[in-house]
């Protein structure tokens, strides 16, 4: 009887822990856009995330300086001491699961959810809905994959031009029209909660 009680309370404790909140510090973010001349691709392996199934909230944050660009010249410029990212040290996403999912942690399976929230970079705030896929694996870990895309507004391109002139090294004193930067951005986020 004592063993049954221990198992019962142990299972209830574990289910309450899992049902409340999951966190990870090893998220991966991939961002892609293109210009007239090239594909611009960046990776960020220092992404923190928290998902709370009690209140259906999702938070993702990462350091701007942690982006690694596939094109060497952009990567060197972005990660040089000359680039001023004061006021823009992090990006944040805060959202709510609008179609809540009941994740069964006891067996492997796929669960889909809709997330509606805002992406923040400095003073910039953008409404960004996304679809999320939760995958419970055999070892008990949970993978979450989110893919979404958005388009940068025309007026934001003017702000990007101003920031490029103010904050990028003088050797890259060009604007978005010269670079042919696309307003279309694709984002892939991959998280593993253990």
N, C-alpha and C. Protein backbone atom coordinates (compact mmCIF):
# COMPACT_ATOMS: atom_id res chain seq x y z
N UNK A 1 0.82 -1.20 0.00
CA UNK A 1 0.00 0.00 0.00
C UNK A 1 0.86 1.26 0.00
N UNK A 2 1.93 1.23 0.83
CA UNK A 2 2.83 2.38 0.92
C UNK A 2 3.47 2.66 -0.44
N UNK A 3 3.86 1.59 -1.14
CA UNK A 3 4.49 1.75 -2.46
C UNK A 3 3.51 2.38 -3.45
N UNK A 4 2.26 1.96 -3.40
CA UNK A 4 1.25 2.53 -4.29
C UNK A 4 1.04 4.02 -4.01
N UNK A 5 1.02 4.39 -2.72
CA UNK A 5 0.88 5.82 -2.37
C UNK A 5 2.07 6.63 -2.87
N UNK A 6 3.27 6.09 -2.69
CA UNK A 6 4.48 6.80 -3.16
C UNK A 6 4.42 6.98 -4.67
N UNK A 7 4.06 5.91 -5.38
CA UNK A 7 3.95 6.01 -6.84
C UNK A 7 2.89 7.01 -7.26
N UNK A 8 1.75 6.98 -6.59
CA UNK A 8 0.66 7.90 -6.90
C UNK A 8 1.09 9.35 -6.71
N UNK A 9 1.66 9.67 -5.54
CA UNK A 9 2.09 11.05 -5.28
C UNK A 9 3.26 11.45 -6.16
N UNK A 10 4.15 10.48 -6.44
CA UNK A 10 5.28 10.77 -7.34
C UNK A 10 4.80 11.12 -8.73
N UNK A 11 3.84 10.35 -9.25
CA UNK A 11 3.29 10.64 -10.58
C UNK A 11 2.56 11.97 -10.60
N UNK A 12 1.79 12.25 -9.55
CA UNK A 12 1.10 13.54 -9.48
C UNK A 12 2.08 14.69 -9.42
N UNK A 13 3.16 14.53 -8.65
CA UNK A 13 4.17 15.59 -8.56
C UNK A 13 4.81 15.84 -9.91
N UNK A 14 5.22 14.74 -10.58
CA UNK A 14 5.85 14.90 -11.89
C UNK A 14 4.90 15.53 -12.90
N UNK A 15 3.64 15.09 -12.90
CA UNK A 15 2.71 15.67 -13.87
C UNK A 15 2.45 17.13 -13.57
N UNK A 16 2.45 17.53 -12.29
CA UNK A 16 2.23 18.94 -11.97
C UNK A 16 3.44 19.78 -12.36
N UNK A 17 4.64 19.21 -12.19
CA UNK A 17 5.84 19.94 -12.60
C UNK A 17 5.81 20.15 -14.10
N UNK A 18 5.54 19.06 -14.86
CA UNK A 18 5.53 19.17 -16.31
C UNK A 18 4.40 20.06 -16.81
N UNK A 19 3.26 20.01 -16.15
CA UNK A 19 2.13 20.78 -16.65
C UNK A 19 2.32 22.27 -16.42
N UNK A 20 3.21 22.62 -15.52
CA UNK A 20 3.37 24.04 -15.22
C UNK A 20 4.34 24.72 -16.18
N UNK A 21 5.60 24.30 -16.19
CA UNK A 21 6.59 25.08 -16.93
C UNK A 21 7.76 24.23 -17.37
N UNK A 22 8.24 24.48 -18.60
CA UNK A 22 9.44 23.84 -19.13
C UNK A 22 10.38 24.92 -19.62
N UNK A 23 11.67 24.73 -19.41
CA UNK A 23 12.66 25.72 -19.84
C UNK A 23 13.82 25.04 -20.54
N UNK A 24 14.50 25.80 -21.39
CA UNK A 24 15.74 25.34 -22.01
C UNK A 24 16.65 26.53 -22.26
N UNK A 25 17.94 26.27 -22.20
CA UNK A 25 18.94 27.30 -22.51
C UNK A 25 19.74 26.93 -23.76
N UNK A 26 19.30 25.91 -24.45
CA UNK A 26 20.05 25.43 -25.62
C UNK A 26 19.21 25.47 -26.89
N UNK A 27 18.47 26.54 -27.07
CA UNK A 27 17.66 26.67 -28.28
C UNK A 27 18.51 27.07 -29.48
N UNK A 28 17.95 26.88 -30.64
CA UNK A 28 18.63 27.21 -31.90
C UNK A 28 17.68 28.04 -32.77
N UNK A 29 18.17 29.15 -33.29
CA UNK A 29 17.38 30.02 -34.14
C UNK A 29 18.10 30.22 -35.47
N UNK A 30 17.37 30.04 -36.55
CA UNK A 30 17.91 30.23 -37.90
C UNK A 30 17.06 31.30 -38.59
N UNK A 31 17.72 32.31 -39.14
CA UNK A 31 17.03 33.40 -39.82
C UNK A 31 17.58 33.49 -41.24
N UNK A 32 16.68 33.67 -42.21
CA UNK A 32 17.11 33.76 -43.60
C UNK A 32 16.35 34.87 -44.31
N UNK A 33 17.09 35.62 -45.10
CA UNK A 33 16.51 36.59 -46.01
C UNK A 33 17.39 36.59 -47.24
N UNK A 34 17.01 37.32 -48.25
CA UNK A 34 17.84 37.34 -49.45
C UNK A 34 17.90 38.75 -50.01
N UNK A 35 18.96 39.00 -50.74
CA UNK A 35 19.11 40.28 -51.43
C UNK A 35 19.22 39.99 -52.92
N UNK A 36 19.41 41.05 -53.71
CA UNK A 36 19.59 40.87 -55.16
C UNK A 36 20.84 40.03 -55.44
N UNK A 37 21.79 40.06 -54.49
CA UNK A 37 23.09 39.47 -54.75
C UNK A 37 23.35 38.16 -54.00
N UNK A 38 22.66 37.94 -52.87
CA UNK A 38 23.02 36.79 -52.05
C UNK A 38 21.90 36.40 -51.09
N UNK A 39 22.01 35.20 -50.56
CA UNK A 39 21.17 34.75 -49.45
C UNK A 39 21.85 35.20 -48.15
N UNK A 40 21.10 35.81 -47.26
CA UNK A 40 21.62 36.20 -45.96
C UNK A 40 21.08 35.21 -44.96
N UNK A 41 21.99 34.43 -44.34
CA UNK A 41 21.60 33.39 -43.40
C UNK A 41 22.37 33.57 -42.10
N UNK A 42 21.67 33.43 -40.97
CA UNK A 42 22.32 33.58 -39.67
C UNK A 42 21.81 32.52 -38.71
N UNK A 43 22.71 32.08 -37.82
CA UNK A 43 22.41 31.06 -36.82
C UNK A 43 22.66 31.65 -35.44
N UNK A 44 21.84 31.24 -34.47
CA UNK A 44 22.04 31.66 -33.09
C UNK A 44 21.80 30.44 -32.20
N UNK A 45 22.85 30.02 -31.48
CA UNK A 45 22.77 28.82 -30.64
C UNK A 45 22.62 29.16 -29.16
N UNK A 46 22.41 30.42 -28.83
CA UNK A 46 22.28 30.83 -27.43
C UNK A 46 20.89 31.43 -27.21
N UNK A 47 19.90 30.57 -27.25
CA UNK A 47 18.51 31.00 -27.13
C UNK A 47 17.91 30.35 -25.89
N UNK A 48 17.30 31.15 -25.03
CA UNK A 48 16.62 30.67 -23.83
C UNK A 48 15.12 30.69 -24.10
N UNK A 49 14.43 29.68 -23.59
CA UNK A 49 12.98 29.63 -23.78
C UNK A 49 12.29 29.04 -22.57
N UNK A 50 11.08 29.49 -22.35
CA UNK A 50 10.22 28.97 -21.30
C UNK A 50 8.81 28.84 -21.85
N UNK A 51 8.19 27.69 -21.61
CA UNK A 51 6.79 27.51 -21.97
C UNK A 51 6.05 27.05 -20.72
N UNK A 52 4.94 27.71 -20.44
CA UNK A 52 4.17 27.42 -19.24
C UNK A 52 2.78 26.96 -19.68
N UNK A 53 2.47 25.68 -19.42
CA UNK A 53 1.20 25.12 -19.86
C UNK A 53 0.06 25.46 -18.91
N UNK A 54 0.38 26.00 -17.74
CA UNK A 54 -0.68 26.39 -16.81
C UNK A 54 -1.39 27.64 -17.31
N UNK A 55 -0.59 28.65 -17.70
CA UNK A 55 -1.21 29.88 -18.23
C UNK A 55 -1.02 30.03 -19.73
N UNK A 56 -0.47 28.97 -20.39
CA UNK A 56 -0.30 28.93 -21.85
C UNK A 56 0.55 30.07 -22.39
N UNK A 57 1.64 30.42 -21.69
CA UNK A 57 2.53 31.47 -22.16
C UNK A 57 3.83 30.88 -22.71
N UNK A 58 4.42 31.60 -23.65
CA UNK A 58 5.68 31.21 -24.27
C UNK A 58 6.60 32.43 -24.26
N UNK A 59 7.86 32.20 -23.86
CA UNK A 59 8.86 33.27 -23.90
C UNK A 59 10.13 32.72 -24.53
N UNK A 60 10.72 33.51 -25.42
CA UNK A 60 11.98 33.15 -26.07
C UNK A 60 12.85 34.40 -26.05
N UNK A 61 14.11 34.24 -25.69
CA UNK A 61 15.02 35.39 -25.70
C UNK A 61 16.42 34.93 -26.12
N UNK A 62 17.16 35.83 -26.73
CA UNK A 62 18.52 35.52 -27.15
C UNK A 62 19.33 36.78 -27.33
N UNK A 63 20.64 36.63 -27.38
CA UNK A 63 21.54 37.76 -27.54
C UNK A 63 21.72 38.08 -29.02
N UNK A 64 21.64 39.36 -29.36
CA UNK A 64 21.87 39.78 -30.74
C UNK A 64 23.30 39.47 -31.19
N UNK A 65 24.26 39.64 -30.28
CA UNK A 65 25.66 39.40 -30.62
C UNK A 65 25.98 37.93 -30.85
N UNK A 66 25.03 37.05 -30.54
CA UNK A 66 25.28 35.61 -30.70
C UNK A 66 24.95 35.11 -32.10
N UNK A 67 24.48 35.98 -32.98
CA UNK A 67 24.21 35.55 -34.35
C UNK A 67 25.51 35.29 -35.09
N UNK A 68 25.54 34.18 -35.82
CA UNK A 68 26.68 33.83 -36.66
C UNK A 68 26.18 33.82 -38.11
N UNK A 69 26.74 34.71 -38.93
CA UNK A 69 26.33 34.80 -40.32
C UNK A 69 27.17 33.88 -41.18
N UNK A 70 26.53 33.27 -42.18
CA UNK A 70 27.26 32.36 -43.07
C UNK A 70 28.22 33.10 -43.98
N UNK A 71 27.92 34.36 -44.30
CA UNK A 71 28.81 35.15 -45.15
C UNK A 71 29.85 35.83 -44.25
N UNK A 72 31.12 35.51 -44.47
CA UNK A 72 32.20 35.96 -43.59
C UNK A 72 32.28 37.46 -43.37
N UNK A 73 32.11 38.25 -44.44
CA UNK A 73 32.24 39.71 -44.32
C UNK A 73 31.15 40.28 -43.41
N UNK A 74 29.92 39.79 -43.57
CA UNK A 74 28.83 40.26 -42.72
C UNK A 74 29.06 39.82 -41.29
N UNK A 75 29.52 38.57 -41.11
CA UNK A 75 29.76 38.06 -39.76
C UNK A 75 30.84 38.86 -39.05
N UNK A 76 31.92 39.17 -39.75
CA UNK A 76 33.01 39.97 -39.14
C UNK A 76 32.51 41.36 -38.77
N UNK A 77 31.73 41.98 -39.65
CA UNK A 77 31.21 43.33 -39.36
C UNK A 77 30.23 43.30 -38.19
N UNK A 78 29.35 42.30 -38.19
CA UNK A 78 28.32 42.21 -37.16
C UNK A 78 28.93 41.95 -35.79
N UNK A 79 29.98 41.14 -35.75
CA UNK A 79 30.59 40.76 -34.48
C UNK A 79 31.84 41.57 -34.14
N UNK A 80 32.08 42.65 -34.86
CA UNK A 80 33.23 43.49 -34.53
C UNK A 80 32.89 44.42 -33.36
N UNK A 81 33.92 44.96 -32.74
CA UNK A 81 33.73 45.91 -31.64
C UNK A 81 33.20 47.25 -32.15
N UNK A 82 33.26 47.45 -33.46
CA UNK A 82 32.81 48.73 -34.03
C UNK A 82 31.29 48.81 -34.15
N UNK A 83 30.63 47.65 -34.15
CA UNK A 83 29.17 47.65 -34.27
C UNK A 83 28.56 47.97 -32.91
N UNK A 84 27.75 49.00 -32.88
CA UNK A 84 27.12 49.46 -31.65
C UNK A 84 25.71 48.87 -31.54
N UNK A 85 25.55 47.91 -30.64
CA UNK A 85 24.24 47.31 -30.43
C UNK A 85 23.60 47.77 -29.12
N UNK A 86 24.09 48.88 -28.58
CA UNK A 86 23.48 49.39 -27.35
C UNK A 86 22.03 49.74 -27.64
N UNK A 87 21.17 49.35 -26.76
CA UNK A 87 19.73 49.52 -26.98
C UNK A 87 19.11 48.33 -27.68
N UNK A 88 19.94 47.44 -28.23
CA UNK A 88 19.46 46.26 -28.94
C UNK A 88 20.23 45.01 -28.51
N UNK A 89 20.45 44.80 -27.22
CA UNK A 89 21.28 43.66 -26.81
C UNK A 89 20.60 42.31 -27.01
N UNK A 90 19.26 42.28 -26.95
CA UNK A 90 18.54 41.01 -27.02
C UNK A 90 17.34 41.11 -27.96
N UNK A 91 16.88 39.98 -28.39
CA UNK A 91 15.58 39.88 -29.03
C UNK A 91 14.71 39.06 -28.09
N UNK A 92 13.42 39.36 -28.06
CA UNK A 92 12.49 38.65 -27.19
C UNK A 92 11.22 38.33 -27.95
N UNK A 93 10.65 37.21 -27.64
CA UNK A 93 9.33 36.85 -28.15
C UNK A 93 8.48 36.48 -26.95
N UNK A 94 7.31 37.09 -26.85
CA UNK A 94 6.38 36.78 -25.77
C UNK A 94 5.02 36.50 -26.39
N UNK A 95 4.49 35.32 -26.09
CA UNK A 95 3.22 34.97 -26.70
C UNK A 95 2.38 34.07 -25.85
N UNK A 96 1.23 33.75 -26.38
CA UNK A 96 0.28 32.85 -25.72
C UNK A 96 -0.10 31.73 -26.69
N UNK A 97 -0.25 30.54 -26.13
CA UNK A 97 -0.74 29.42 -26.92
C UNK A 97 -2.25 29.61 -27.03
N UNK A 98 -2.72 29.97 -28.23
CA UNK A 98 -4.14 30.29 -28.39
C UNK A 98 -4.98 29.06 -28.67
N UNK A 99 -4.34 28.01 -29.14
CA UNK A 99 -5.00 26.71 -29.26
C UNK A 99 -4.23 25.76 -28.36
N UNK A 100 -4.55 25.75 -27.06
CA UNK A 100 -3.77 24.96 -26.10
C UNK A 100 -3.74 23.48 -26.46
N UNK A 101 -2.62 22.87 -26.10
CA UNK A 101 -2.47 21.44 -26.36
C UNK A 101 -2.34 20.72 -25.02
N UNK A 102 -2.91 19.53 -24.98
CA UNK A 102 -2.74 18.65 -23.83
C UNK A 102 -1.62 17.69 -24.20
N UNK A 103 -0.41 17.95 -23.71
CA UNK A 103 0.73 17.12 -24.05
C UNK A 103 0.78 15.93 -23.10
N UNK A 104 0.80 14.73 -23.66
CA UNK A 104 0.91 13.51 -22.86
C UNK A 104 2.38 13.15 -22.77
N UNK A 105 2.99 13.40 -21.61
CA UNK A 105 4.43 13.19 -21.44
C UNK A 105 4.78 11.72 -21.26
N UNK A 106 3.79 10.87 -21.08
CA UNK A 106 4.07 9.46 -20.79
C UNK A 106 4.34 8.63 -22.04
N UNK A 107 4.00 9.17 -23.22
CA UNK A 107 4.25 8.39 -24.43
C UNK A 107 4.64 9.32 -25.57
N UNK A 108 5.48 8.82 -26.48
CA UNK A 108 5.90 9.63 -27.63
C UNK A 108 4.70 10.04 -28.48
N UNK A 109 4.78 11.25 -29.04
CA UNK A 109 3.71 11.73 -29.90
C UNK A 109 3.94 13.15 -30.38
N UNK A 110 3.15 13.56 -31.36
CA UNK A 110 3.22 14.90 -31.94
C UNK A 110 1.99 15.70 -31.52
N UNK A 111 2.22 16.97 -31.19
CA UNK A 111 1.12 17.85 -30.80
C UNK A 111 1.32 19.19 -31.49
N UNK A 112 0.27 19.73 -32.10
CA UNK A 112 0.35 21.01 -32.79
C UNK A 112 -0.34 22.09 -31.98
N UNK A 113 0.21 23.30 -32.01
CA UNK A 113 -0.39 24.42 -31.29
C UNK A 113 -0.21 25.70 -32.09
N UNK A 114 -1.07 26.66 -31.87
CA UNK A 114 -0.94 27.98 -32.46
C UNK A 114 -0.50 28.95 -31.38
N UNK A 115 0.51 29.75 -31.70
CA UNK A 115 1.03 30.73 -30.75
C UNK A 115 0.83 32.12 -31.34
N UNK A 116 0.33 33.03 -30.53
CA UNK A 116 0.11 34.41 -30.98
C UNK A 116 0.85 35.32 -30.02
N UNK A 117 1.77 36.12 -30.54
CA UNK A 117 2.55 36.96 -29.64
C UNK A 117 3.25 38.08 -30.35
N UNK A 118 4.25 38.67 -29.66
CA UNK A 118 4.98 39.81 -30.17
C UNK A 118 6.47 39.53 -30.14
N UNK A 119 7.16 39.95 -31.21
CA UNK A 119 8.60 39.90 -31.30
C UNK A 119 9.13 41.30 -30.98
N UNK A 120 10.10 41.37 -30.05
CA UNK A 120 10.67 42.65 -29.63
C UNK A 120 12.17 42.68 -29.95
N UNK A 121 12.60 43.75 -30.62
CA UNK A 121 14.03 44.04 -30.80
C UNK A 121 14.19 45.51 -30.50
N UNK A 122 14.80 45.81 -29.35
CA UNK A 122 14.88 47.21 -28.92
C UNK A 122 13.49 47.79 -28.79
N UNK A 123 13.27 48.96 -29.42
CA UNK A 123 11.95 49.58 -29.34
C UNK A 123 10.99 49.05 -30.40
N UNK A 124 11.47 48.15 -31.26
CA UNK A 124 10.62 47.58 -32.29
C UNK A 124 9.76 46.46 -31.72
N UNK A 125 8.49 46.48 -32.07
CA UNK A 125 7.54 45.48 -31.59
C UNK A 125 6.70 45.05 -32.79
N UNK A 126 6.61 43.75 -33.00
CA UNK A 126 5.87 43.24 -34.16
C UNK A 126 4.99 42.08 -33.73
N UNK A 127 3.71 42.13 -34.11
CA UNK A 127 2.79 41.02 -33.84
C UNK A 127 3.20 39.86 -34.74
N UNK A 128 3.47 38.70 -34.14
CA UNK A 128 4.01 37.58 -34.88
C UNK A 128 3.34 36.27 -34.47
N UNK A 129 2.33 35.84 -35.21
CA UNK A 129 1.73 34.53 -34.93
C UNK A 129 2.60 33.41 -35.51
N UNK A 130 2.49 32.21 -34.94
CA UNK A 130 3.29 31.09 -35.41
C UNK A 130 2.60 29.78 -35.08
N UNK A 131 2.97 28.75 -35.82
CA UNK A 131 2.52 27.39 -35.53
C UNK A 131 3.68 26.67 -34.85
N UNK A 132 3.38 25.93 -33.79
CA UNK A 132 4.41 25.20 -33.07
C UNK A 132 4.09 23.71 -33.08
N UNK A 133 5.14 22.90 -33.19
CA UNK A 133 4.98 21.45 -33.15
C UNK A 133 5.75 20.91 -31.95
N UNK A 134 5.05 20.27 -31.02
CA UNK A 134 5.65 19.66 -29.84
C UNK A 134 5.80 18.17 -30.11
N UNK A 135 7.01 17.64 -29.92
CA UNK A 135 7.26 16.22 -30.16
C UNK A 135 7.81 15.60 -28.88
N UNK A 136 7.04 14.71 -28.26
CA UNK A 136 7.50 13.98 -27.08
C UNK A 136 8.28 12.77 -27.60
N UNK A 137 9.53 12.63 -27.14
CA UNK A 137 10.40 11.56 -27.64
C UNK A 137 10.46 10.40 -26.65
N UNK A 138 11.04 9.28 -27.10
CA UNK A 138 11.13 8.07 -26.28
C UNK A 138 11.86 8.31 -24.97
N UNK A 139 12.88 9.18 -24.97
CA UNK A 139 13.67 9.40 -23.76
C UNK A 139 13.02 10.41 -22.80
N UNK A 140 11.81 10.89 -23.13
CA UNK A 140 11.11 11.82 -22.25
C UNK A 140 11.36 13.28 -22.57
N UNK A 141 12.32 13.57 -23.42
CA UNK A 141 12.57 14.96 -23.80
C UNK A 141 11.49 15.43 -24.77
N UNK A 142 11.36 16.73 -24.89
CA UNK A 142 10.35 17.31 -25.78
C UNK A 142 11.02 18.28 -26.73
N UNK A 143 10.84 18.04 -28.02
CA UNK A 143 11.33 18.97 -29.04
C UNK A 143 10.18 19.89 -29.44
N UNK A 144 10.50 21.16 -29.61
CA UNK A 144 9.52 22.11 -30.12
C UNK A 144 10.12 22.77 -31.35
N UNK A 145 9.38 22.76 -32.44
CA UNK A 145 9.83 23.37 -33.68
C UNK A 145 8.80 24.42 -34.09
N UNK A 146 9.30 25.62 -34.40
CA UNK A 146 8.44 26.72 -34.81
C UNK A 146 9.01 27.30 -36.10
N UNK A 147 8.18 27.43 -37.12
CA UNK A 147 8.57 28.07 -38.37
C UNK A 147 7.58 29.18 -38.66
N UNK A 148 8.10 30.35 -39.00
CA UNK A 148 7.21 31.44 -39.42
C UNK A 148 7.98 32.40 -40.30
N UNK A 149 7.27 33.25 -40.99
CA UNK A 149 7.90 34.27 -41.81
C UNK A 149 7.13 35.57 -41.62
N UNK A 150 7.82 36.66 -41.91
CA UNK A 150 7.16 37.96 -41.83
C UNK A 150 7.79 38.89 -42.84
N UNK A 151 7.13 40.00 -43.08
CA UNK A 151 7.64 41.00 -44.01
C UNK A 151 7.89 42.30 -43.26
N UNK A 152 9.07 42.87 -43.47
CA UNK A 152 9.43 44.14 -42.84
C UNK A 152 8.65 45.25 -43.54
N UNK A 153 7.99 46.10 -42.75
CA UNK A 153 7.22 47.19 -43.33
C UNK A 153 8.15 48.19 -44.01
N UNK A 154 7.60 48.91 -45.00
CA UNK A 154 8.38 49.89 -45.77
C UNK A 154 9.00 50.95 -44.86
N UNK A 155 8.21 51.46 -43.88
CA UNK A 155 8.74 52.50 -43.00
C UNK A 155 9.87 51.97 -42.11
N UNK A 156 9.85 50.67 -41.83
CA UNK A 156 10.92 50.09 -41.02
C UNK A 156 12.23 50.03 -41.81
N UNK A 157 12.14 49.93 -43.14
CA UNK A 157 13.36 49.93 -43.97
C UNK A 157 14.11 51.25 -43.81
N UNK A 158 13.38 52.36 -43.68
CA UNK A 158 14.03 53.65 -43.45
C UNK A 158 14.76 53.65 -42.11
N UNK A 159 14.17 53.05 -41.11
CA UNK A 159 14.82 52.96 -39.80
C UNK A 159 16.07 52.09 -39.89
N UNK A 160 15.98 50.98 -40.63
CA UNK A 160 17.14 50.11 -40.81
C UNK A 160 18.27 50.87 -41.49
N UNK A 161 17.94 51.68 -42.52
CA UNK A 161 18.97 52.48 -43.19
C UNK A 161 19.64 53.44 -42.21
N UNK A 162 18.83 54.10 -41.37
CA UNK A 162 19.38 55.04 -40.40
C UNK A 162 20.31 54.32 -39.41
N UNK A 163 19.86 53.17 -38.93
CA UNK A 163 20.67 52.41 -37.97
C UNK A 163 21.95 51.90 -38.61
N UNK A 164 21.88 51.48 -39.88
CA UNK A 164 23.09 51.02 -40.56
C UNK A 164 24.12 52.14 -40.64
N UNK A 165 23.67 53.36 -40.95
CA UNK A 165 24.59 54.50 -41.04
C UNK A 165 25.17 54.86 -39.69
N UNK A 166 24.34 54.77 -38.64
CA UNK A 166 24.79 55.15 -37.30
C UNK A 166 25.68 54.10 -36.65
N UNK A 167 25.39 52.83 -36.87
CA UNK A 167 25.98 51.79 -36.04
C UNK A 167 26.94 50.83 -36.71
N UNK A 168 26.91 50.75 -38.04
CA UNK A 168 27.83 49.84 -38.72
C UNK A 168 29.15 50.53 -38.99
N UNK A 169 30.22 49.75 -39.08
CA UNK A 169 31.51 50.33 -39.41
C UNK A 169 31.44 51.12 -40.71
N UNK A 170 32.24 52.17 -40.80
CA UNK A 170 32.18 53.08 -41.95
C UNK A 170 32.44 52.38 -43.27
N UNK A 171 33.15 51.26 -43.25
CA UNK A 171 33.43 50.57 -44.51
C UNK A 171 32.19 49.95 -45.11
N UNK A 172 31.10 49.88 -44.35
CA UNK A 172 29.86 49.34 -44.89
C UNK A 172 28.82 50.45 -44.91
N UNK A 173 29.16 51.59 -45.40
CA UNK A 173 28.22 52.71 -45.42
C UNK A 173 27.36 52.63 -46.68
N UNK A 174 26.49 51.65 -46.71
CA UNK A 174 25.56 51.45 -47.81
C UNK A 174 24.16 51.36 -47.21
N UNK A 175 23.16 51.45 -48.08
CA UNK A 175 21.79 51.35 -47.57
C UNK A 175 21.12 50.08 -48.07
N UNK A 176 19.89 49.86 -47.62
CA UNK A 176 19.18 48.64 -47.97
C UNK A 176 18.88 48.54 -49.46
N UNK A 177 18.71 49.69 -50.13
CA UNK A 177 18.46 49.66 -51.57
C UNK A 177 19.70 49.21 -52.33
N UNK A 178 20.87 49.70 -51.90
CA UNK A 178 22.12 49.29 -52.54
C UNK A 178 22.36 47.80 -52.35
N UNK A 179 22.09 47.32 -51.14
CA UNK A 179 22.29 45.90 -50.86
C UNK A 179 21.18 45.04 -51.46
N UNK A 180 20.06 45.68 -51.81
CA UNK A 180 18.93 44.93 -52.34
C UNK A 180 18.30 44.03 -51.30
N UNK A 181 18.28 44.48 -50.05
CA UNK A 181 17.76 43.66 -48.97
C UNK A 181 16.27 43.40 -49.16
N UNK A 182 15.90 42.15 -48.97
CA UNK A 182 14.50 41.76 -49.09
C UNK A 182 13.76 42.11 -47.80
N UNK A 183 12.50 42.42 -47.95
CA UNK A 183 11.67 42.67 -46.77
C UNK A 183 11.11 41.37 -46.21
N UNK A 184 11.30 40.26 -46.92
CA UNK A 184 10.79 38.96 -46.48
C UNK A 184 11.83 38.24 -45.63
N UNK A 185 11.42 37.80 -44.43
CA UNK A 185 12.31 37.12 -43.50
C UNK A 185 11.67 35.81 -43.08
N UNK A 186 12.46 34.72 -43.13
CA UNK A 186 12.00 33.41 -42.71
C UNK A 186 12.74 33.02 -41.43
N UNK A 187 12.01 32.48 -40.45
CA UNK A 187 12.60 32.14 -39.16
C UNK A 187 12.27 30.68 -38.83
N UNK A 188 13.29 29.96 -38.34
CA UNK A 188 13.12 28.59 -37.85
C UNK A 188 13.67 28.54 -36.43
N UNK A 189 12.86 28.08 -35.49
CA UNK A 189 13.26 27.98 -34.09
C UNK A 189 13.13 26.53 -33.66
N UNK A 190 14.20 26.00 -33.04
CA UNK A 190 14.20 24.62 -32.58
C UNK A 190 14.65 24.58 -31.13
N UNK A 191 13.84 23.97 -30.26
CA UNK A 191 14.10 23.93 -28.83
C UNK A 191 13.95 22.49 -28.34
N UNK A 192 14.79 22.11 -27.38
CA UNK A 192 14.64 20.80 -26.74
C UNK A 192 14.56 20.98 -25.24
N UNK A 193 13.48 20.52 -24.66
CA UNK A 193 13.28 20.58 -23.22
C UNK A 193 13.52 19.18 -22.65
N UNK A 194 14.38 19.08 -21.63
CA UNK A 194 14.67 17.76 -21.02
C UNK A 194 14.25 17.76 -19.58
